[in-house]
Amino acid sequence: MTSADRKTAILDAALALADERGLTAVTMRALAQRLGVTPMALYPHVGDKDGLLDGLVDRLLAELLPAAATEGPPAERLKALGRASRALAQRHPSAYALLLARPSVTPDAVRVVDALYGALSELGVPDAEVPRVERLISTFVLGYATSEVNGRFAAGRVNPRAQRAQFGPDEVPAHRALAEVLDRVPDWDAEFEADLDDLFVLLQARWGGQRPRS
């Protein structure tokens, strides 16, 4: 087994450990035990704990490379990456939090961001605005996906009736006026798609599909 193959096996085992027991369970000792080696045997391949976590970021983002290679209009390519990122969160809910917690500077991260930059440029976003708009879109997708699998959108977290019950009849008038709408069970798939559509309507309205250079 080559060194690259060994590193891949270590990162796959670390991701499986995070999927089964949560990210906090991913320690050098636990990982070594899972692989049947000593902790010191891991260091030549992934470095220290920070190196392992950076490797996990790269391992996760490698799953987005097929979506990054999608062909078609730029808005559809960006949407494909958004959908793939959300699906990634659903497959690996614990490890996915690393994408919000650590800088994406690993090789596959750079490849994914390059695809985003290219699509935004083709969409007409000026060069000076491309990094900012990439961060806006990425933050939305990462935040939505994280909220859905681990946070405030997770099953059992949304209970508008219980929220209203804490207040008197006149204390939260907007909540009460919207009660019928708020009490509907959200369709997270439809909401995510509508949010993506709205984002790109705004981008198209702002830059009109033109390609200014500055």
Protein backbone atom coordinates (compact mmCIF):
# COMPACT_ATOMS: atom_id res chain seq x y z
CA MET A 1 0.00 0.00 0.00
CA THR A 2 1.41 3.39 -1.01
CA SER A 3 1.62 6.32 1.40
CA ALA A 4 -1.25 8.02 -0.46
CA ASP A 5 -3.38 4.89 -0.17
CA ARG A 6 -2.55 4.67 3.52
CA LYS A 7 -3.59 8.28 4.06
CA THR A 8 -6.86 7.64 2.23
CA ALA A 9 -7.56 4.60 4.42
CA ILE A 10 -6.85 6.61 7.57
CA LEU A 11 -9.18 9.45 6.52
CA ASP A 12 -11.91 7.01 5.50
CA ALA A 13 -11.65 5.39 8.94
CA ALA A 14 -11.75 8.79 10.65
CA LEU A 15 -14.86 9.77 8.68
CA ALA A 16 -16.55 6.46 9.54
CA LEU A 17 -15.71 7.03 13.20
CA ALA A 18 -17.24 10.52 13.08
CA ASP A 19 -20.36 9.16 11.37
CA GLU A 20 -20.80 6.47 14.02
CA ARG A 21 -19.81 8.26 17.22
CA GLY A 22 -19.57 11.96 16.49
CA LEU A 23 -16.69 14.26 15.70
CA THR A 24 -15.49 14.45 19.30
CA ALA A 25 -14.78 10.72 19.14
CA VAL A 26 -12.20 11.25 16.41
CA THR A 27 -8.93 11.17 18.34
CA MET A 28 -5.56 9.85 17.28
CA ARG A 29 -5.83 7.11 19.88
CA ALA A 30 -9.36 6.03 18.88
CA LEU A 31 -8.44 6.10 15.22
CA ALA A 32 -5.29 4.05 15.79
CA GLN A 33 -7.30 1.51 17.75
CA ARG A 34 -9.81 1.23 14.93
CA LEU A 35 -7.04 0.62 12.43
CA GLY A 36 -5.11 -1.76 14.66
CA VAL A 37 -1.96 0.37 14.81
CA THR A 38 -0.24 2.63 17.33
CA PRO A 39 -1.05 6.36 17.33
CA MET A 40 2.53 7.11 16.28
CA ALA A 41 1.96 5.13 13.08
CA LEU A 42 -0.61 7.74 11.95
CA TYR A 43 1.63 10.80 12.15
CA PRO A 44 3.74 10.18 9.00
CA HIS A 45 0.52 10.09 6.95
CA VAL A 46 -1.78 12.75 8.47
CA GLY A 47 0.43 14.70 10.88
CA ASP A 48 -1.03 15.80 14.22
CA LYS A 49 -4.70 16.26 15.16
CA ASP A 50 -4.93 19.50 13.17
CA GLY A 51 -3.53 17.73 10.14
CA LEU A 52 -6.06 14.96 10.56
CA LEU A 53 -8.94 17.45 10.70
CA ASP A 54 -7.64 19.29 7.64
CA GLY A 55 -7.43 15.93 5.91
CA LEU A 56 -11.06 15.26 6.83
CA VAL A 57 -12.07 18.59 5.26
CA ASP A 58 -10.34 17.52 2.07
CA ARG A 59 -11.93 14.07 2.28
CA LEU A 60 -15.39 15.63 2.58
CA LEU A 61 -14.89 18.12 -0.21
CA ALA A 62 -13.60 15.40 -2.50
CA GLU A 63 -17.19 14.14 -2.55
CA LEU A 64 -18.20 17.45 -4.15
CA LEU A 65 -15.79 17.19 -7.07
CA PRO A 66 -18.30 15.42 -9.37
CA ALA A 67 -20.76 18.27 -8.81
CA ALA A 68 -17.95 20.79 -9.37
CA ALA A 69 -17.39 19.20 -12.78
CA THR A 70 -21.06 19.57 -13.79
CA GLU A 71 -21.57 21.16 -17.21
CA GLY A 72 -24.28 23.59 -18.22
CA PRO A 73 -25.31 27.19 -17.48
CA PRO A 74 -23.41 28.74 -14.55
CA ALA A 75 -26.47 29.12 -12.31
CA GLU A 76 -27.29 25.43 -12.74
CA ARG A 77 -23.70 24.45 -11.95
CA LEU A 78 -23.79 26.54 -8.77
CA LYS A 79 -27.11 24.99 -7.78
CA ALA A 80 -25.70 21.52 -8.38
CA LEU A 81 -22.87 22.28 -5.98
CA GLY A 82 -25.35 23.60 -3.43
CA ARG A 83 -27.45 20.45 -3.63
CA ALA A 84 -24.36 18.26 -3.41
CA SER A 85 -23.17 20.11 -0.33
CA ARG A 86 -26.54 19.66 1.36
CA ALA A 87 -26.49 15.95 0.53
CA LEU A 88 -22.97 15.75 1.96
CA ALA A 89 -24.28 17.12 5.27
CA GLN A 90 -26.98 14.47 5.33
CA ARG A 91 -24.41 11.71 4.76
CA HIS A 92 -21.89 13.01 7.28
CA PRO A 93 -23.74 15.28 9.74
CA SER A 94 -21.08 15.30 12.43
CA ALA A 95 -17.98 15.77 10.29
CA TYR A 96 -19.77 18.35 8.11
CA ALA A 97 -19.37 20.89 10.91
CA LEU A 98 -15.66 21.03 10.03
CA LEU A 99 -16.52 22.90 6.84
CA LEU A 100 -17.77 25.80 8.97
CA ALA A 101 -15.05 25.55 11.59
CA ARG A 102 -11.85 25.23 9.54
CA PRO A 103 -10.42 27.15 6.57
CA SER A 104 -10.81 25.30 3.30
CA VAL A 105 -7.21 25.41 2.05
CA THR A 106 -6.69 21.77 1.12
CA PRO A 107 -6.27 20.72 -2.55
CA ASP A 108 -9.83 19.51 -3.14
CA ALA A 109 -11.19 22.59 -1.35
CA VAL A 110 -9.30 24.81 -3.77
CA ARG A 111 -10.69 22.81 -6.72
CA VAL A 112 -14.27 23.19 -5.48
CA VAL A 113 -13.88 26.92 -4.83
CA ASP A 114 -12.29 27.34 -8.25
CA ALA A 115 -15.42 25.85 -9.80
CA LEU A 116 -17.50 28.34 -7.84
CA TYR A 117 -15.33 31.25 -8.94
CA GLY A 118 -15.55 30.19 -12.57
CA ALA A 119 -19.33 29.85 -12.52
CA LEU A 120 -19.78 33.23 -10.80
CA SER A 121 -17.52 34.89 -13.35
CA GLU A 122 -19.55 33.38 -16.19
CA LEU A 123 -22.73 34.54 -14.47
CA GLY A 124 -21.50 38.11 -14.80
CA VAL A 125 -20.26 38.82 -11.29
CA PRO A 126 -17.41 41.37 -11.51
CA ASP A 127 -13.95 40.07 -10.65
CA ALA A 128 -13.72 42.26 -7.54
CA GLU A 129 -16.99 40.84 -6.21
CA VAL A 130 -16.45 37.14 -6.98
CA PRO A 131 -14.78 36.20 -3.63
CA ARG A 132 -17.46 38.00 -1.62
CA VAL A 133 -20.33 36.43 -3.54
CA GLU A 134 -18.72 32.99 -3.27
CA ARG A 135 -18.57 33.46 0.51
CA LEU A 136 -22.21 34.60 0.55
CA ILE A 137 -23.41 31.52 -1.36
CA SER A 138 -21.16 29.09 0.52
CA THR A 139 -22.21 30.51 3.89
CA PHE A 140 -25.86 30.15 2.98
CA VAL A 141 -25.47 26.54 1.81
CA LEU A 142 -23.24 25.48 4.72
CA GLY A 143 -25.47 27.23 7.26
CA TYR A 144 -28.69 25.79 5.85
CA ALA A 145 -27.30 22.26 5.67
CA THR A 146 -25.82 22.45 9.16
CA SER A 147 -29.05 23.85 10.59
CA GLU A 148 -30.98 21.05 8.96
CA VAL A 149 -28.88 18.13 10.22
CA ASN A 150 -27.60 19.43 13.55
CA GLY A 151 -29.27 22.73 14.40
CA ARG A 152 -32.45 24.72 14.48
CA PHE A 153 -34.13 23.01 11.49
CA ALA A 154 -33.53 19.52 12.89
CA ALA A 155 -36.52 17.29 13.65
CA GLY A 156 -38.32 18.34 16.80
CA ARG A 157 -36.70 21.77 16.98
CA VAL A 158 -39.40 23.75 15.17
CA ASN A 159 -42.55 24.18 17.26
CA PRO A 160 -44.21 27.54 16.51
CA ARG A 161 -47.24 26.82 18.70
CA ALA A 162 -45.04 26.27 21.73
CA GLN A 163 -43.16 29.46 20.91
CA ARG A 164 -46.38 31.49 20.78
CA ALA A 165 -47.69 29.91 23.98
CA GLN A 166 -45.00 31.70 25.99
CA PHE A 167 -46.61 35.08 25.26
CA GLY A 168 -49.89 36.83 25.82
CA PRO A 169 -52.37 37.39 22.96
CA ASP A 170 -50.98 40.83 22.04
CA GLU A 171 -47.27 40.33 22.67
CA VAL A 172 -46.25 38.67 19.41
CA PRO A 173 -48.81 39.99 16.89
CA ALA A 174 -46.85 39.04 13.77
CA HIS A 175 -46.53 35.43 14.96
CA ARG A 176 -50.26 35.25 15.59
CA ALA A 177 -51.12 36.84 12.25
CA LEU A 178 -48.95 34.23 10.53
CA ALA A 179 -50.06 31.32 12.73
CA GLU A 180 -51.68 29.33 9.91
CA VAL A 181 -48.52 29.55 7.81
CA LEU A 182 -46.11 28.99 10.69
CA ASP A 183 -47.94 25.85 11.83
CA ARG A 184 -47.42 24.09 8.50
CA VAL A 185 -44.76 21.39 8.50
CA PRO A 186 -41.86 22.83 6.48
CA ASP A 187 -40.87 21.10 3.27
CA TRP A 188 -37.11 21.55 3.61
CA ASP A 189 -36.40 20.26 0.09
CA ALA A 190 -38.77 22.77 -1.49
CA GLU A 191 -37.51 25.56 0.75
CA PHE A 192 -33.88 24.92 -0.15
CA GLU A 193 -34.68 24.95 -3.86
CA ALA A 194 -36.70 28.17 -3.49
CA ASP A 195 -33.82 29.77 -1.58
CA LEU A 196 -31.36 28.82 -4.34
CA ASP A 197 -33.71 30.25 -6.96
CA ASP A 198 -34.06 33.49 -5.01
CA LEU A 199 -30.30 33.84 -4.65
CA PHE A 200 -29.77 33.56 -8.38
CA VAL A 201 -32.67 35.85 -9.21
CA LEU A 202 -30.90 38.47 -7.08
CA LEU A 203 -27.54 37.81 -8.77
CA GLN A 204 -29.08 38.05 -12.23
CA ALA A 205 -30.94 41.21 -11.28
CA ARG A 206 -27.74 42.78 -9.95
CA TRP A 207 -25.41 41.98 -12.84
CA GLY A 208 -27.70 40.97 -15.67
CA GLY A 209 -25.51 38.21 -16.98
CA GLN A 210 -22.86 40.67 -18.21
CA ARG A 211 -19.17 40.12 -17.66
CA PRO A 212 -17.49 43.34 -16.49
CA ARG A 213 -13.80 42.91 -15.67
CA SER A 214 -13.53 45.10 -12.55
